[in-house]
Amino acid sequence: MEDVVLLLLLLCVSSAAAQLCAPDASNGYKVRLSLLTALGDEAYVWNDSEMFLFRAALAFAMRTADGQNYNVSNVLVCDETPRVSFWFVVTSPLDSSLLVERRQVEEAVRKSRNRINSAFLLTDNTLEFLGIPPTLAAPAPPSSPPWLIVFGVVMGAVGAGIVLVLGTSVMQSRREKKKAQTGFEEGEEESRAEGNGAASDSVYNLSFSDDDRLTQM
């Protein structure tokens, strides 16, 4: 008698699960796995144990997302195909006849996507939750801390300013030196010109004196 009651109970549970989980269910998602594409010759066989692991991973993701006590029994799977695709829904841990909203399931999958992928050695492209976009890769941390980058920029600007000031001073010093040298050379040329003029006058005066002497004679 007890066996009959247990069998009827299991049939009722299966019937209820079939009603809750169905293709294109309002709160359900389709999953598609590409084991051969991802792993090639090392691809493992998808079986009941792998499905149990998937349901456990989903229960873990739901627990992590909202803190409620989800179990494997809260993850219902249906319409499984040999090419490894199936639908799943998540029931409430408080009332197994109620489905968890899509928004909550999607948030849970997003938060634990890397953990789910790593459990099956797959990626976002080979373990697809249709209707849930692939997660974006986290930005790579900078190789240098931000303060060090800012410090480097400031020191670079200070160094450039120092080089500019020194360069300006050197150029100005060279210009003044060149200007002084040019003035000195011009002064020498003027002195030479004056000396040549005086010598010419002396020669002219001597010639004029000689002419006067000849005239008097």
Protein backbone atom coordinates (compact mmCIF):
# COMPACT_ATOMS: atom_id res chain seq x y z
CA MET A 1 0.00 0.00 0.00
CA GLU A 2 2.81 2.37 0.90
CA ASP A 3 4.53 1.65 -2.42
CA VAL A 4 1.36 2.51 -4.29
CA VAL A 5 0.97 5.78 -2.39
CA LEU A 6 4.61 6.68 -3.06
CA LEU A 7 4.21 5.88 -6.74
CA LEU A 8 1.08 8.02 -6.97
CA LEU A 9 2.91 10.83 -5.19
CA LEU A 10 5.80 10.65 -7.64
CA LEU A 11 3.39 10.66 -10.55
CA CYS A 12 1.65 13.72 -9.14
CA VAL A 13 4.97 15.49 -8.68
CA SER A 14 6.05 14.60 -12.21
CA SER A 15 2.73 15.82 -13.59
CA ALA A 16 3.02 19.09 -11.69
CA ALA A 17 6.60 19.54 -12.89
CA ALA A 18 5.53 18.87 -16.47
CA GLN A 19 2.89 21.57 -16.17
CA LEU A 20 5.36 24.07 -14.73
CA CYS A 21 8.23 23.31 -17.11
CA ALA A 22 7.43 23.35 -20.80
CA PRO A 23 9.07 24.74 -23.95
CA ASP A 24 8.51 28.49 -24.27
CA ALA A 25 7.37 28.69 -20.65
CA SER A 26 6.87 32.28 -19.52
CA ASN A 27 9.47 32.01 -16.74
CA GLY A 28 11.65 29.39 -18.40
CA TYR A 29 14.93 29.47 -20.28
CA LYS A 30 16.40 27.24 -22.95
CA VAL A 31 19.98 26.04 -22.50
CA ARG A 32 22.20 24.82 -25.31
CA LEU A 33 25.61 23.19 -24.82
CA SER A 34 28.30 22.68 -27.49
CA LEU A 35 30.58 20.11 -25.93
CA LEU A 36 32.34 19.00 -29.12
CA THR A 37 32.96 22.58 -30.21
CA ALA A 38 34.47 23.47 -26.85
CA LEU A 39 36.40 20.32 -25.98
CA GLY A 40 36.86 18.41 -29.23
CA ASP A 41 38.16 14.87 -28.66
CA GLU A 42 38.12 15.47 -24.90
CA ALA A 43 34.38 16.16 -24.82
CA TYR A 44 32.58 14.27 -22.05
CA VAL A 45 29.23 12.48 -22.34
CA TRP A 46 26.20 14.39 -21.13
CA ASN A 47 24.23 12.17 -18.77
CA ASP A 48 22.01 12.28 -15.68
CA SER A 49 24.97 13.07 -13.45
CA GLU A 50 25.89 16.10 -15.59
CA MET A 51 22.27 17.24 -15.48
CA PHE A 52 22.27 16.89 -11.69
CA LEU A 53 25.40 19.06 -11.60
CA PHE A 54 23.66 21.67 -13.75
CA ARG A 55 20.63 21.77 -11.47
CA ALA A 56 22.91 22.02 -8.43
CA ALA A 57 24.83 24.87 -10.06
CA LEU A 58 21.55 26.71 -10.74
CA ALA A 59 20.41 26.16 -7.15
CA PHE A 60 23.76 27.56 -5.97
CA ALA A 61 23.34 30.60 -8.24
CA MET A 62 19.82 31.24 -6.91
CA ARG A 63 21.01 30.95 -3.30
CA THR A 64 23.85 33.34 -3.97
CA ALA A 65 21.55 35.87 -5.62
CA ASP A 66 18.77 36.22 -3.02
CA GLY A 67 19.92 34.17 -0.02
CA GLN A 68 16.97 31.75 0.05
CA ASN A 69 17.44 28.00 0.52
CA TYR A 70 17.07 26.70 -3.03
CA ASN A 71 17.67 22.99 -3.60
CA VAL A 72 18.17 20.81 -6.65
CA SER A 73 14.46 19.96 -6.51
CA ASN A 74 13.65 23.63 -7.19
CA VAL A 75 15.27 23.45 -10.63
CA LEU A 76 12.96 21.65 -13.05
CA VAL A 77 14.21 20.49 -16.45
CA CYS A 78 12.21 19.42 -19.48
CA ASP A 79 12.32 18.88 -23.25
CA GLU A 80 15.88 17.54 -23.18
CA THR A 81 17.40 16.60 -26.56
CA PRO A 82 20.39 14.36 -27.43
CA ARG A 83 22.23 17.35 -28.90
CA VAL A 84 22.26 18.67 -25.34
CA SER A 85 19.62 21.32 -25.18
CA PHE A 86 16.79 21.63 -22.67
CA TRP A 87 14.46 24.01 -20.90
CA PHE A 88 14.47 24.78 -17.19
CA VAL A 89 12.41 26.72 -14.66
CA VAL A 90 13.03 27.50 -11.01
CA THR A 91 10.35 27.06 -8.36
CA SER A 92 10.08 29.01 -5.14
CA PRO A 93 11.66 27.33 -2.08
CA LEU A 94 8.63 28.48 -0.09
CA ASP A 95 6.02 27.10 -2.51
CA SER A 96 7.04 24.60 -5.17
CA SER A 97 3.92 25.36 -7.19
CA LEU A 98 5.11 28.92 -7.88
CA LEU A 99 7.77 29.81 -10.42
CA VAL A 100 10.50 32.34 -9.73
CA GLU A 101 10.30 35.37 -12.01
CA ARG A 102 12.56 35.58 -15.05
CA ARG A 103 14.20 38.73 -13.72
CA GLN A 104 15.43 36.92 -10.60
CA VAL A 105 16.66 33.90 -12.56
CA GLU A 106 18.46 36.10 -15.06
CA GLU A 107 20.16 38.09 -12.30
CA ALA A 108 21.27 34.88 -10.57
CA VAL A 109 22.71 33.43 -13.79
CA ARG A 110 24.56 36.67 -14.55
CA LYS A 111 26.14 36.83 -11.10
CA SER A 112 27.31 33.20 -11.14
CA ARG A 113 27.92 32.78 -14.88
CA ASN A 114 31.66 32.21 -14.51
CA ARG A 115 31.12 29.59 -11.79
CA ILE A 116 28.55 27.77 -13.93
CA ASN A 117 30.80 27.86 -17.01
CA SER A 118 33.82 26.58 -15.11
CA ALA A 119 31.82 23.67 -13.67
CA PHE A 120 31.38 22.33 -17.20
CA LEU A 121 34.67 23.57 -18.72
CA LEU A 122 32.68 25.77 -21.11
CA THR A 123 32.32 29.46 -21.99
CA ASP A 124 29.49 31.88 -22.67
CA ASN A 125 29.59 30.83 -26.32
CA THR A 126 29.46 27.07 -25.68
CA LEU A 127 27.07 27.11 -22.70
CA GLU A 128 24.26 29.35 -23.89
CA PHE A 129 21.32 30.57 -21.84
CA LEU A 130 19.07 31.69 -24.68
CA GLY A 131 17.49 35.00 -23.72
CA ILE A 132 20.28 35.90 -21.29
CA PRO A 133 23.05 37.84 -23.09
CA PRO A 134 26.63 36.65 -22.50
CA THR A 135 28.42 38.29 -19.63
CA LEU A 136 30.96 40.96 -20.43
CA ALA A 137 34.55 40.28 -19.48
CA ALA A 138 35.69 42.19 -16.44
CA PRO A 139 37.98 45.06 -17.29
CA ALA A 140 41.63 44.21 -16.83
CA PRO A 141 43.16 45.98 -13.84
CA PRO A 142 45.77 48.59 -14.76
CA SER A 143 49.35 47.38 -14.59
CA SER A 144 50.23 50.44 -12.48
CA PRO A 145 48.13 51.96 -9.68
CA PRO A 146 46.29 55.19 -10.63
CA TRP A 147 48.25 57.32 -8.15
CA LEU A 148 51.51 56.20 -9.77
CA ILE A 149 50.20 57.17 -13.20
CA VAL A 150 49.18 60.63 -11.93
CA PHE A 151 52.55 61.03 -10.21
CA GLY A 152 54.33 60.12 -13.43
CA VAL A 153 52.29 62.67 -15.41
CA VAL A 154 53.01 65.43 -12.87
CA MET A 155 56.72 64.64 -12.74
CA GLY A 156 56.83 64.55 -16.52
CA ALA A 157 55.23 68.00 -16.69
CA VAL A 158 57.66 69.35 -14.07
CA GLY A 159 60.62 67.85 -15.92
CA ALA A 160 59.43 69.36 -19.20
CA GLY A 161 59.11 72.76 -17.50
CA ILE A 162 62.63 72.55 -16.10
CA VAL A 163 64.05 71.59 -19.49
CA LEU A 164 62.16 74.48 -21.10
CA VAL A 165 63.47 77.01 -18.56
CA LEU A 166 67.05 75.75 -18.88
CA GLY A 167 66.82 75.75 -22.66
CA THR A 168 65.47 79.30 -22.68
CA SER A 169 68.25 80.46 -20.35
CA VAL A 170 70.95 78.85 -22.49
CA MET A 171 69.53 80.36 -25.68
CA GLN A 172 69.30 83.80 -24.08
CA SER A 173 72.87 83.52 -22.78
CA ARG A 174 74.11 82.57 -26.25
CA ARG A 175 72.25 85.49 -27.81
CA GLU A 176 73.74 87.97 -25.33
CA LYS A 177 77.22 86.54 -25.86
CA LYS A 178 76.83 86.73 -29.61
CA LYS A 179 75.48 90.26 -29.35
CA ALA A 180 78.42 91.34 -27.18
CA GLN A 181 80.88 89.74 -29.58
CA THR A 182 79.23 91.47 -32.53
CA GLY A 183 79.44 94.84 -30.75
CA PHE A 184 83.10 94.28 -29.97
CA GLU A 185 83.88 93.50 -33.60
CA GLU A 186 81.99 96.60 -34.76
CA GLY A 187 84.00 98.71 -32.29
CA GLU A 188 87.27 97.34 -33.66
CA GLU A 189 86.17 98.10 -37.21
CA GLU A 190 85.31 101.68 -36.24
CA SER A 191 88.69 102.08 -34.55
CA ARG A 192 90.45 100.78 -37.63
CA ALA A 193 88.44 103.11 -39.83
CA GLU A 194 89.35 106.12 -37.70
CA GLY A 195 93.03 105.10 -37.76
CA ASN A 196 93.00 104.79 -41.53
CA GLY A 197 91.37 108.20 -41.83
CA ALA A 198 94.02 109.85 -39.68
CA ALA A 199 96.82 108.24 -41.68
CA SER A 200 95.28 109.47 -44.92
CA ASP A 201 95.11 113.00 -43.57
CA SER A 202 98.77 112.83 -42.55
CA VAL A 203 99.82 111.67 -46.01
CA TYR A 204 97.73 114.39 -47.59
CA ASN A 205 99.24 117.07 -45.36
CA LEU A 206 102.78 115.93 -46.13
CA SER A 207 102.10 115.98 -49.85
CA PHE A 208 100.62 119.44 -49.57
CA SER A 209 103.69 120.71 -47.69
CA ASP A 210 106.03 119.35 -50.37
CA ASP A 211 104.04 121.15 -53.07
CA ASP A 212 104.33 124.42 -51.16
CA ARG A 213 108.09 124.08 -50.99
CA LEU A 214 108.42 123.49 -54.68
CA THR A 215 106.26 126.51 -55.40
CA GLN A 216 108.40 128.80 -53.25
CA MET A 217 111.56 127.67 -55.01
